[in-house]
mmCIF file of all heavy atoms, coordinates in Angstrom:
data_MODEL
# 
_entry.id   MODEL 
# 
loop_
_atom_site.group_PDB 
_atom_site.id 
_atom_site.type_symbol 
_atom_site.label_atom_id 
_atom_site.label_alt_id 
_atom_site.label_comp_id 
_atom_site.label_asym_id 
_atom_site.label_entity_id 
_atom_site.label_seq_id 
_atom_site.pdbx_PDB_ins_code 
_atom_site.Cartn_x 
_atom_site.Cartn_y 
_atom_site.Cartn_z 
_atom_site.occupancy 
_atom_site.B_iso_or_equiv 
_atom_site.pdbx_formal_charge 
_atom_site.auth_seq_id 
_atom_site.auth_comp_id 
_atom_site.auth_asym_id 
_atom_site.auth_atom_id 
_atom_site.pdbx_PDB_model_num 
ATOM 1   N N   . THR A 1 1  ? 255.827 58.878 -7.079  1.00 0.00 ? 1  THR A N   1 
ATOM 2   C CA  . THR A 1 1  ? 257.037 58.044 -7.115  1.00 0.00 ? 1  THR A CA  1 
ATOM 3   C C   . THR A 1 1  ? 258.095 58.720 -7.980  1.00 0.00 ? 1  THR A C   1 
ATOM 4   O O   . THR A 1 1  ? 257.798 59.185 -9.083  1.00 0.00 ? 1  THR A O   1 
ATOM 5   C CB  . THR A 1 1  ? 256.719 56.643 -7.664  1.00 0.00 ? 1  THR A CB  1 
ATOM 6   O OG1 . THR A 1 1  ? 255.743 56.020 -6.826  1.00 0.00 ? 1  THR A OG1 1 
ATOM 7   C CG2 . THR A 1 1  ? 257.973 55.784 -7.714  1.00 0.00 ? 1  THR A CG2 1 
ATOM 8   N N   . ARG A 1 2  ? 259.316 58.777 -7.473  1.00 0.00 ? 2  ARG A N   1 
ATOM 9   C CA  . ARG A 1 2  ? 260.449 59.343 -8.204  1.00 0.00 ? 2  ARG A CA  1 
ATOM 10  C C   . ARG A 1 2  ? 261.592 58.319 -8.267  1.00 0.00 ? 2  ARG A C   1 
ATOM 11  O O   . ARG A 1 2  ? 261.793 57.545 -7.320  1.00 0.00 ? 2  ARG A O   1 
ATOM 12  C CB  . ARG A 1 2  ? 260.951 60.632 -7.511  1.00 0.00 ? 2  ARG A CB  1 
ATOM 13  C CG  . ARG A 1 2  ? 259.966 61.785 -7.569  1.00 0.00 ? 2  ARG A CG  1 
ATOM 14  C CD  . ARG A 1 2  ? 259.969 62.435 -8.934  1.00 0.00 ? 2  ARG A CD  1 
ATOM 15  N NE  . ARG A 1 2  ? 259.150 63.634 -8.971  1.00 0.00 ? 2  ARG A NE  1 
ATOM 16  C CZ  . ARG A 1 2  ? 257.891 63.677 -9.361  1.00 0.00 ? 2  ARG A CZ  1 
ATOM 17  N NH1 . ARG A 1 2  ? 257.297 62.550 -9.746  1.00 0.00 ? 2  ARG A NH1 1 
ATOM 18  N NH2 . ARG A 1 2  ? 257.216 64.803 -9.373  1.00 0.00 ? 2  ARG A NH2 1 
ATOM 19  N N   . ARG A 1 3  ? 262.305 58.357 -9.376  1.00 0.00 ? 3  ARG A N   1 
ATOM 20  C CA  . ARG A 1 3  ? 263.473 57.487 -9.534  1.00 0.00 ? 3  ARG A CA  1 
ATOM 21  C C   . ARG A 1 3  ? 264.695 58.211 -8.972  1.00 0.00 ? 3  ARG A C   1 
ATOM 22  O O   . ARG A 1 3  ? 265.005 59.341 -9.373  1.00 0.00 ? 3  ARG A O   1 
ATOM 23  C CB  . ARG A 1 3  ? 263.684 57.143 -11.002 1.00 0.00 ? 3  ARG A CB  1 
ATOM 24  C CG  . ARG A 1 3  ? 264.802 56.117 -11.246 1.00 0.00 ? 3  ARG A CG  1 
ATOM 25  C CD  . ARG A 1 3  ? 265.042 55.949 -12.748 1.00 0.00 ? 3  ARG A CD  1 
ATOM 26  N NE  . ARG A 1 3  ? 263.837 55.485 -13.405 1.00 0.00 ? 3  ARG A NE  1 
ATOM 27  C CZ  . ARG A 1 3  ? 263.502 54.207 -13.537 1.00 0.00 ? 3  ARG A CZ  1 
ATOM 28  N NH1 . ARG A 1 3  ? 264.304 53.276 -13.044 1.00 0.00 ? 3  ARG A NH1 1 
ATOM 29  N NH2 . ARG A 1 3  ? 262.405 53.859 -14.171 1.00 0.00 ? 3  ARG A NH2 1 
ATOM 30  N N   . ILE A 1 4  ? 265.373 57.553 -8.047  1.00 0.00 ? 4  ILE A N   1 
ATOM 31  C CA  . ILE A 1 4  ? 266.585 58.118 -7.434  1.00 0.00 ? 4  ILE A CA  1 
ATOM 32  C C   . ILE A 1 4  ? 267.784 57.365 -7.997  1.00 0.00 ? 4  ILE A C   1 
ATOM 33  O O   . ILE A 1 4  ? 267.811 56.116 -8.012  1.00 0.00 ? 4  ILE A O   1 
ATOM 34  C CB  . ILE A 1 4  ? 266.557 57.973 -5.898  1.00 0.00 ? 4  ILE A CB  1 
ATOM 35  C CG1 . ILE A 1 4  ? 265.220 58.502 -5.331  1.00 0.00 ? 4  ILE A CG1 1 
ATOM 36  C CG2 . ILE A 1 4  ? 267.732 58.707 -5.275  1.00 0.00 ? 4  ILE A CG2 1 
ATOM 37  C CD1 . ILE A 1 4  ? 264.989 59.962 -5.548  1.00 0.00 ? 4  ILE A CD1 1 
ATOM 38  N N   . ALA A 1 5  ? 268.785 58.099 -8.471  1.00 0.00 ? 5  ALA A N   1 
ATOM 39  C CA  . ALA A 1 5  ? 269.981 57.498 -9.074  1.00 0.00 ? 5  ALA A CA  1 
ATOM 40  C C   . ALA A 1 5  ? 271.186 57.672 -8.164  1.00 0.00 ? 5  ALA A C   1 
ATOM 41  O O   . ALA A 1 5  ? 271.364 58.723 -7.528  1.00 0.00 ? 5  ALA A O   1 
ATOM 42  C CB  . ALA A 1 5  ? 270.253 58.125 -10.432 1.00 0.00 ? 5  ALA A CB  1 
ATOM 43  N N   . GLN A 1 6  ? 272.018 56.628 -8.107  1.00 0.00 ? 6  GLN A N   1 
ATOM 44  C CA  . GLN A 1 6  ? 273.280 56.684 -7.363  1.00 0.00 ? 6  GLN A CA  1 
ATOM 45  C C   . GLN A 1 6  ? 274.406 56.358 -8.339  1.00 0.00 ? 6  GLN A C   1 
ATOM 46  O O   . GLN A 1 6  ? 274.476 55.239 -8.883  1.00 0.00 ? 6  GLN A O   1 
ATOM 47  C CB  . GLN A 1 6  ? 273.264 55.661 -6.217  1.00 0.00 ? 6  GLN A CB  1 
ATOM 48  C CG  . GLN A 1 6  ? 274.567 55.564 -5.459  1.00 0.00 ? 6  GLN A CG  1 
ATOM 49  C CD  . GLN A 1 6  ? 274.739 56.663 -4.440  1.00 0.00 ? 6  GLN A CD  1 
ATOM 50  O OE1 . GLN A 1 6  ? 274.319 57.802 -4.676  1.00 0.00 ? 6  GLN A OE1 1 
ATOM 51  N NE2 . GLN A 1 6  ? 275.360 56.363 -3.318  1.00 0.00 ? 6  GLN A NE2 1 
ATOM 52  N N   . PRO A 1 7  ? 275.314 57.315 -8.630  1.00 0.00 ? 7  PRO A N   1 
ATOM 53  C CA  . PRO A 1 7  ? 276.405 57.052 -9.586  1.00 0.00 ? 7  PRO A CA  1 
ATOM 54  C C   . PRO A 1 7  ? 277.301 55.901 -9.124  1.00 0.00 ? 7  PRO A C   1 
ATOM 55  O O   . PRO A 1 7  ? 277.518 55.696 -7.928  1.00 0.00 ? 7  PRO A O   1 
ATOM 56  C CB  . PRO A 1 7  ? 277.173 58.383 -9.607  1.00 0.00 ? 7  PRO A CB  1 
ATOM 57  C CG  . PRO A 1 7  ? 276.196 59.399 -9.084  1.00 0.00 ? 7  PRO A CG  1 
ATOM 58  C CD  . PRO A 1 7  ? 275.339 58.677 -8.105  1.00 0.00 ? 7  PRO A CD  1 
ATOM 59  N N   . HIS A 1 8  ? 277.817 55.173 -10.084 1.00 0.00 ? 8  HIS A N   1 
ATOM 60  C CA  . HIS A 1 8  ? 278.722 54.072 -9.773  1.00 0.00 ? 8  HIS A CA  1 
ATOM 61  C C   . HIS A 1 8  ? 280.085 54.650 -9.403  1.00 0.00 ? 8  HIS A C   1 
ATOM 62  O O   . HIS A 1 8  ? 280.604 55.546 -10.079 1.00 0.00 ? 8  HIS A O   1 
ATOM 63  C CB  . HIS A 1 8  ? 278.856 53.134 -10.985 1.00 0.00 ? 8  HIS A CB  1 
ATOM 64  C CG  . HIS A 1 8  ? 279.479 51.828 -10.654 1.00 0.00 ? 8  HIS A CG  1 
ATOM 65  N ND1 . HIS A 1 8  ? 280.844 51.664 -10.486 1.00 0.00 ? 8  HIS A ND1 1 
ATOM 66  C CD2 . HIS A 1 8  ? 278.924 50.601 -10.444 1.00 0.00 ? 8  HIS A CD2 1 
ATOM 67  C CE1 . HIS A 1 8  ? 281.104 50.405 -10.199 1.00 0.00 ? 8  HIS A CE1 1 
ATOM 68  N NE2 . HIS A 1 8  ? 279.947 49.729 -10.172 1.00 0.00 ? 8  HIS A NE2 1 
ATOM 69  N N   . PRO A 1 9  ? 280.680 54.171 -8.307  1.00 0.00 ? 9  PRO A N   1 
ATOM 70  C CA  . PRO A 1 9  ? 281.966 54.771 -7.877  1.00 0.00 ? 9  PRO A CA  1 
ATOM 71  C C   . PRO A 1 9  ? 283.099 54.596 -8.895  1.00 0.00 ? 9  PRO A C   1 
ATOM 72  O O   . PRO A 1 9  ? 284.050 55.382 -8.905  1.00 0.00 ? 9  PRO A O   1 
ATOM 73  C CB  . PRO A 1 9  ? 282.272 54.026 -6.568  1.00 0.00 ? 9  PRO A CB  1 
ATOM 74  C CG  . PRO A 1 9  ? 281.460 52.772 -6.632  1.00 0.00 ? 9  PRO A CG  1 
ATOM 75  C CD  . PRO A 1 9  ? 280.240 53.111 -7.423  1.00 0.00 ? 9  PRO A CD  1 
ATOM 76  N N   . GLU A 1 10 ? 283.006 53.584 -9.757  1.00 0.00 ? 10 GLU A N   1 
ATOM 77  C CA  . GLU A 1 10 ? 284.073 53.345 -10.735 1.00 0.00 ? 10 GLU A CA  1 
ATOM 78  C C   . GLU A 1 10 ? 283.659 53.737 -12.144 1.00 0.00 ? 10 GLU A C   1 
ATOM 79  O O   . GLU A 1 10 ? 284.268 53.306 -13.128 1.00 0.00 ? 10 GLU A O   1 
ATOM 80  C CB  . GLU A 1 10 ? 284.469 51.863 -10.693 1.00 0.00 ? 10 GLU A CB  1 
ATOM 81  C CG  . GLU A 1 10 ? 285.027 51.434 -9.346  1.00 0.00 ? 10 GLU A CG  1 
ATOM 82  C CD  . GLU A 1 10 ? 285.385 49.962 -9.314  1.00 0.00 ? 10 GLU A CD  1 
ATOM 83  O OE1 . GLU A 1 10 ? 285.211 49.307 -10.366 1.00 0.00 ? 10 GLU A OE1 1 
ATOM 84  O OE2 . GLU A 1 10 ? 285.848 49.486 -8.266  1.00 0.00 ? 10 GLU A OE2 1 
ATOM 85  N N   . GLY A 1 11 ? 282.606 54.540 -12.257 1.00 0.00 ? 11 GLY A N   1 
ATOM 86  C CA  . GLY A 1 11 ? 282.192 55.036 -13.558 1.00 0.00 ? 11 GLY A CA  1 
ATOM 87  C C   . GLY A 1 11 ? 281.276 54.125 -14.321 1.00 0.00 ? 11 GLY A C   1 
ATOM 88  O O   . GLY A 1 11 ? 281.009 54.368 -15.505 1.00 0.00 ? 11 GLY A O   1 
ATOM 89  N N   . GLY A 1 12 ? 280.780 53.067 -13.683 1.00 0.00 ? 12 GLY A N   1 
ATOM 90  C CA  . GLY A 1 12 ? 279.864 52.161 -14.356 1.00 0.00 ? 12 GLY A CA  1 
ATOM 91  C C   . GLY A 1 12 ? 278.451 52.721 -14.386 1.00 0.00 ? 12 GLY A C   1 
ATOM 92  O O   . GLY A 1 12 ? 278.208 53.906 -14.115 1.00 0.00 ? 12 GLY A O   1 
ATOM 93  N N   . ALA A 1 13 ? 277.518 51.856 -14.731 1.00 0.00 ? 13 ALA A N   1 
ATOM 94  C CA  . ALA A 1 13 ? 276.110 52.270 -14.811 1.00 0.00 ? 13 ALA A CA  1 
ATOM 95  C C   . ALA A 1 13 ? 275.596 52.631 -13.423 1.00 0.00 ? 13 ALA A C   1 
ATOM 96  O O   . ALA A 1 13 ? 275.881 51.926 -12.439 1.00 0.00 ? 13 ALA A O   1 
ATOM 97  C CB  . ALA A 1 13 ? 275.270 51.143 -15.407 1.00 0.00 ? 13 ALA A CB  1 
ATOM 98  N N   . PRO A 1 14 ? 274.834 53.726 -13.306 1.00 0.00 ? 14 PRO A N   1 
ATOM 99  C CA  . PRO A 1 14 ? 274.312 54.129 -11.997 1.00 0.00 ? 14 PRO A CA  1 
ATOM 100 C C   . PRO A 1 14 ? 273.274 53.132 -11.483 1.00 0.00 ? 14 PRO A C   1 
ATOM 101 O O   . PRO A 1 14 ? 272.627 52.427 -12.257 1.00 0.00 ? 14 PRO A O   1 
ATOM 102 C CB  . PRO A 1 14 ? 273.687 55.498 -12.260 1.00 0.00 ? 14 PRO A CB  1 
ATOM 103 C CG  . PRO A 1 14 ? 273.366 55.502 -13.711 1.00 0.00 ? 14 PRO A CG  1 
ATOM 104 C CD  . PRO A 1 14 ? 274.417 54.646 -14.377 1.00 0.00 ? 14 PRO A CD  1 
ATOM 105 N N   . THR A 1 15 ? 273.123 53.097 -10.169 1.00 0.00 ? 15 THR A N   1 
ATOM 106 C CA  . THR A 1 15 ? 272.109 52.265 -9.518  1.00 0.00 ? 15 THR A CA  1 
ATOM 107 C C   . THR A 1 15 ? 270.864 53.110 -9.276  1.00 0.00 ? 15 THR A C   1 
ATOM 108 O O   . THR A 1 15 ? 270.962 54.300 -8.939  1.00 0.00 ? 15 THR A O   1 
ATOM 109 C CB  . THR A 1 15 ? 272.632 51.723 -8.177  1.00 0.00 ? 15 THR A CB  1 
ATOM 110 O OG1 . THR A 1 15 ? 273.899 51.106 -8.390  1.00 0.00 ? 15 THR A OG1 1 
ATOM 111 C CG2 . THR A 1 15 ? 271.662 50.720 -7.572  1.00 0.00 ? 15 THR A CG2 1 
ATOM 112 N N   . HIS A 1 16 ? 269.684 52.479 -9.447  1.00 0.00 ? 16 HIS A N   1 
ATOM 113 C CA  . HIS A 1 16 ? 268.439 53.224 -9.256  1.00 0.00 ? 16 HIS A CA  1 
ATOM 114 C C   . HIS A 1 16 ? 267.563 52.558 -8.205  1.00 0.00 ? 16 HIS A C   1 
ATOM 115 O O   . HIS A 1 16 ? 267.650 51.342 -7.976  1.00 0.00 ? 16 HIS A O   1 
ATOM 116 C CB  . HIS A 1 16 ? 267.648 53.311 -10.579 1.00 0.00 ? 16 HIS A CB  1 
ATOM 117 C CG  . HIS A 1 16 ? 268.329 54.104 -11.644 1.00 0.00 ? 16 HIS A CG  1 
ATOM 118 N ND1 . HIS A 1 16 ? 269.209 53.540 -12.551 1.00 0.00 ? 16 HIS A ND1 1 
ATOM 119 C CD2 . HIS A 1 16 ? 268.268 55.434 -11.945 1.00 0.00 ? 16 HIS A CD2 1 
ATOM 120 C CE1 . HIS A 1 16 ? 269.664 54.469 -13.365 1.00 0.00 ? 16 HIS A CE1 1 
ATOM 121 N NE2 . HIS A 1 16 ? 269.105 55.636 -13.028 1.00 0.00 ? 16 HIS A NE2 1 
ATOM 122 N N   . LEU A 1 17 ? 266.734 53.380 -7.592  1.00 0.00 ? 17 LEU A N   1 
ATOM 123 C CA  . LEU A 1 17 ? 265.658 52.877 -6.736  1.00 0.00 ? 17 LEU A CA  1 
ATOM 124 C C   . LEU A 1 17 ? 264.458 53.794 -6.895  1.00 0.00 ? 17 LEU A C   1 
ATOM 125 O O   . LEU A 1 17 ? 264.584 54.934 -7.368  1.00 0.00 ? 17 LEU A O   1 
ATOM 126 C CB  . LEU A 1 17 ? 266.090 52.750 -5.278  1.00 0.00 ? 17 LEU A CB  1 
ATOM 127 C CG  . LEU A 1 17 ? 266.531 53.999 -4.490  1.00 0.00 ? 17 LEU A CG  1 
ATOM 128 C CD1 . LEU A 1 17 ? 265.361 54.828 -3.992  1.00 0.00 ? 17 LEU A CD1 1 
ATOM 129 C CD2 . LEU A 1 17 ? 267.390 53.597 -3.296  1.00 0.00 ? 17 LEU A CD2 1 
ATOM 130 N N   . LEU A 1 18 ? 263.279 53.306 -6.512  1.00 0.00 ? 18 LEU A N   1 
ATOM 131 C CA  . LEU A 1 18 ? 262.047 54.088 -6.577  1.00 0.00 ? 18 LEU A CA  1 
ATOM 132 C C   . LEU A 1 18 ? 261.661 54.527 -5.170  1.00 0.00 ? 18 LEU A C   1 
ATOM 133 O O   . LEU A 1 18 ? 261.597 53.708 -4.247  1.00 0.00 ? 18 LEU A O   1 
ATOM 134 C CB  . LEU A 1 18 ? 260.917 53.264 -7.198  1.00 0.00 ? 18 LEU A CB  1 
ATOM 135 C CG  . LEU A 1 18 ? 261.135 52.789 -8.635  1.00 0.00 ? 18 LEU A CG  1 
ATOM 136 C CD1 . LEU A 1 18 ? 259.940 51.968 -9.103  1.00 0.00 ? 18 LEU A CD1 1 
ATOM 137 C CD2 . LEU A 1 18 ? 261.386 53.968 -9.566  1.00 0.00 ? 18 LEU A CD2 1 
ATOM 138 N N   . LEU A 1 19 ? 261.406 55.825 -5.028  1.00 0.00 ? 19 LEU A N   1 
ATOM 139 C CA  . LEU A 1 19 ? 261.022 56.391 -3.730  1.00 0.00 ? 19 LEU A CA  1 
ATOM 140 C C   . LEU A 1 19 ? 259.633 57.002 -3.866  1.00 0.00 ? 19 LEU A C   1 
ATOM 141 O O   . LEU A 1 19 ? 259.402 57.843 -4.740  1.00 0.00 ? 19 LEU A O   1 
ATOM 142 C CB  . LEU A 1 19 ? 262.043 57.450 -3.294  1.00 0.00 ? 19 LEU A CB  1 
ATOM 143 C CG  . LEU A 1 19 ? 261.847 58.055 -1.904  1.00 0.00 ? 19 LEU A CG  1 
ATOM 144 C CD1 . LEU A 1 19 ? 261.892 56.990 -0.821  1.00 0.00 ? 19 LEU A CD1 1 
ATOM 145 C CD2 . LEU A 1 19 ? 262.907 59.130 -1.638  1.00 0.00 ? 19 LEU A CD2 1 
ATOM 146 N N   . THR A 1 20 ? 258.709 56.567 -3.023  1.00 0.00 ? 20 THR A N   1 
ATOM 147 C CA  . THR A 1 20 ? 257.311 57.005 -3.104  1.00 0.00 ? 20 THR A CA  1 
ATOM 148 C C   . THR A 1 20 ? 256.947 57.852 -1.893  1.00 0.00 ? 20 THR A C   1 
ATOM 149 O O   . THR A 1 20 ? 257.235 57.484 -0.746  1.00 0.00 ? 20 THR A O   1 
ATOM 150 C CB  . THR A 1 20 ? 256.362 55.789 -3.181  1.00 0.00 ? 20 THR A CB  1 
ATOM 151 O OG1 . THR A 1 20 ? 256.681 55.032 -4.348  1.00 0.00 ? 20 THR A OG1 1 
ATOM 152 C CG2 . THR A 1 20 ? 254.911 56.232 -3.249  1.00 0.00 ? 20 THR A CG2 1 
ATOM 153 N N   . ASP A 1 21 ? 256.312 58.976 -2.153  1.00 0.00 ? 21 ASP A N   1 
ATOM 154 C CA  . ASP A 1 21 ? 255.763 59.853 -1.104  1.00 0.00 ? 21 ASP A CA  1 
ATOM 155 C C   . ASP A 1 21 ? 254.265 59.578 -1.007  1.00 0.00 ? 21 ASP A C   1 
ATOM 156 O O   . ASP A 1 21 ? 253.559 59.586 -2.016  1.00 0.00 ? 21 ASP A O   1 
ATOM 157 C CB  . ASP A 1 21 ? 256.014 61.320 -1.460  1.00 0.00 ? 21 ASP A CB  1 
ATOM 158 C CG  . ASP A 1 21 ? 255.384 62.282 -0.463  1.00 0.00 ? 21 ASP A CG  1 
ATOM 159 O OD1 . ASP A 1 21 ? 255.240 61.896 0.708   1.00 0.00 ? 21 ASP A OD1 1 
ATOM 160 O OD2 . ASP A 1 21 ? 255.022 63.407 -0.868  1.00 0.00 ? 21 ASP A OD2 1 
ATOM 161 N N   . THR A 1 22 ? 253.780 59.315 0.201   1.00 0.00 ? 22 THR A N   1 
ATOM 162 C CA  . THR A 1 22 ? 252.364 58.968 0.388   1.00 0.00 ? 22 THR A CA  1 
ATOM 163 C C   . THR A 1 22 ? 251.683 59.977 1.299   1.00 0.00 ? 22 THR A C   1 
ATOM 164 O O   . THR A 1 22 ? 252.322 60.865 1.866   1.00 0.00 ? 22 THR A O   1 
ATOM 165 C CB  . THR A 1 22 ? 252.223 57.562 0.998   1.00 0.00 ? 22 THR A CB  1 
ATOM 166 O OG1 . THR A 1 22 ? 252.921 57.526 2.247   1.00 0.00 ? 22 THR A OG1 1 
ATOM 167 C CG2 . THR A 1 22 ? 252.792 56.518 0.076   1.00 0.00 ? 22 THR A CG2 1 
ATOM 168 N N   . VAL A 1 23 ? 250.368 59.810 1.429   1.00 0.00 ? 23 VAL A N   1 
ATOM 169 C CA  . VAL A 1 23 ? 249.575 60.705 2.266   1.00 0.00 ? 23 VAL A CA  1 
ATOM 170 C C   . VAL A 1 23 ? 250.036 60.612 3.722   1.00 0.00 ? 23 VAL A C   1 
ATOM 171 O O   . VAL A 1 23 ? 250.423 59.547 4.203   1.00 0.00 ? 23 VAL A O   1 
ATOM 172 C CB  . VAL A 1 23 ? 248.074 60.347 2.147   1.00 0.00 ? 23 VAL A CB  1 
ATOM 173 C CG1 . VAL A 1 23 ? 247.808 58.935 2.647   1.00 0.00 ? 23 VAL A CG1 1 
ATOM 174 C CG2 . VAL A 1 23 ? 247.209 61.340 2.905   1.00 0.00 ? 23 VAL A CG2 1 
ATOM 175 N N   . GLY A 1 24 ? 250.035 61.734 4.407   1.00 0.00 ? 24 GLY A N   1 
ATOM 176 C CA  . GLY A 1 24 ? 250.461 61.766 5.800   1.00 0.00 ? 24 GLY A CA  1 
ATOM 177 C C   . GLY A 1 24 ? 249.427 61.167 6.738   1.00 0.00 ? 24 GLY A C   1 
ATOM 178 O O   . GLY A 1 24 ? 248.234 61.108 6.436   1.00 0.00 ? 24 GLY A O   1 
ATOM 179 N N   . PHE A 1 25 ? 249.895 60.705 7.900   1.00 0.00 ? 25 PHE A N   1 
ATOM 180 C CA  . PHE A 1 25 ? 249.017 60.160 8.921   1.00 0.00 ? 25 PHE A CA  1 
ATOM 181 C C   . PHE A 1 25 ? 248.695 61.227 9.950   1.00 0.00 ? 25 PHE A C   1 
ATOM 182 O O   . PHE A 1 25 ? 249.357 62.270 10.025  1.00 0.00 ? 25 PHE A O   1 
ATOM 183 C CB  . PHE A 1 25 ? 249.679 58.965 9.626   1.00 0.00 ? 25 PHE A CB  1 
ATOM 184 C CG  . PHE A 1 25 ? 249.935 57.799 8.725   1.00 0.00 ? 25 PHE A CG  1 
ATOM 185 C CD1 . PHE A 1 25 ? 250.883 56.841 9.064   1.00 0.00 ? 25 PHE A CD1 1 
ATOM 186 C CD2 . PHE A 1 25 ? 249.248 57.638 7.537   1.00 0.00 ? 25 PHE A CD2 1 
ATOM 187 C CE1 . PHE A 1 25 ? 251.135 55.754 8.242   1.00 0.00 ? 25 PHE A CE1 1 
ATOM 188 C CE2 . PHE A 1 25 ? 249.484 56.555 6.699   1.00 0.00 ? 25 PHE A CE2 1 
ATOM 189 C CZ  . PHE A 1 25 ? 250.434 55.622 7.060   1.00 0.00 ? 25 PHE A CZ  1 
ATOM 190 N N   . ILE A 1 26 ? 247.683 60.953 10.769  1.00 0.00 ? 26 ILE A N   1 
ATOM 191 C CA  . ILE A 1 26 ? 247.332 61.842 11.864  1.00 0.00 ? 26 ILE A CA  1 
ATOM 192 C C   . ILE A 1 26 ? 246.631 61.019 12.930  1.00 0.00 ? 26 ILE A C   1 
ATOM 193 O O   . ILE A 1 26 ? 246.086 59.948 12.652  1.00 0.00 ? 26 ILE A O   1 
ATOM 194 C CB  . ILE A 1 26 ? 246.423 63.008 11.391  1.00 0.00 ? 26 ILE A CB  1 
ATOM 195 C CG1 . ILE A 1 26 ? 246.409 64.141 12.425  1.00 0.00 ? 26 ILE A CG1 1 
ATOM 196 C CG2 . ILE A 1 26 ? 245.000 62.527 11.099  1.00 0.00 ? 26 ILE A CG2 1 
ATOM 197 C CD1 . ILE A 1 26 ? 245.767 65.431 11.921  1.00 0.00 ? 26 ILE A CD1 1 
ATOM 198 N N   . ARG A 1 27 ? 246.661 61.527 14.143  1.00 0.00 ? 27 ARG A N   1 
ATOM 199 C CA  . ARG A 1 27 ? 245.995 60.843 15.261  1.00 0.00 ? 27 ARG A CA  1 
ATOM 200 C C   . ARG A 1 27 ? 244.496 60.685 14.988  1.00 0.00 ? 27 ARG A C   1 
ATOM 201 O O   . ARG A 1 27 ? 243.851 61.606 14.507  1.00 0.00 ? 27 ARG A O   1 
ATOM 202 C CB  . ARG A 1 27 ? 246.225 61.666 16.533  1.00 0.00 ? 27 ARG A CB  1 
ATOM 203 C CG  . ARG A 1 27 ? 245.497 61.191 17.772  1.00 0.00 ? 27 ARG A CG  1 
ATOM 204 C CD  . ARG A 1 27 ? 245.821 62.111 18.938  1.00 0.00 ? 27 ARG A CD  1 
ATOM 205 N NE  . ARG A 1 27 ? 245.462 63.500 18.646  1.00 0.00 ? 27 ARG A NE  1 
ATOM 206 C CZ  . ARG A 1 27 ? 244.248 64.017 18.859  1.00 0.00 ? 27 ARG A CZ  1 
ATOM 207 N NH1 . ARG A 1 27 ? 243.277 63.259 19.321  1.00 0.00 ? 27 ARG A NH1 1 
ATOM 208 N NH2 . ARG A 1 27 ? 244.015 65.290 18.585  1.00 0.00 ? 27 ARG A NH2 1 
ATOM 209 N N   . ASP A 1 28 ? 243.962 59.521 15.315  1.00 0.00 ? 28 ASP A N   1 
ATOM 210 C CA  . ASP A 1 28 ? 242.529 59.250 15.149  1.00 0.00 ? 28 ASP A CA  1 
ATOM 211 C C   . ASP A 1 28 ? 242.070 59.529 13.722  1.00 0.00 ? 28 ASP A C   1 
ATOM 212 O O   . ASP A 1 28 ? 241.097 60.249 13.489  1.00 0.00 ? 28 ASP A O   1 
ATOM 213 C CB  . ASP A 1 28 ? 241.691 60.073 16.145  1.00 0.00 ? 28 ASP A CB  1 
ATOM 214 C CG  . ASP A 1 28 ? 242.011 59.744 17.590  1.00 0.00 ? 28 ASP A CG  1 
ATOM 215 O OD1 . ASP A 1 28 ? 242.402 58.601 17.850  1.00 0.00 ? 28 ASP A OD1 1 
ATOM 216 O OD2 . ASP A 1 28 ? 241.874 60.636 18.453  1.00 0.00 ? 28 ASP A OD2 1 
# 
């Protein structure tokens, strides 16, 4: 899991979200 930041367009506090990378899937 990594924290992704988005700067505020008017110079305010940035917005954050958590993005998680998981194990890949495969057929059967």
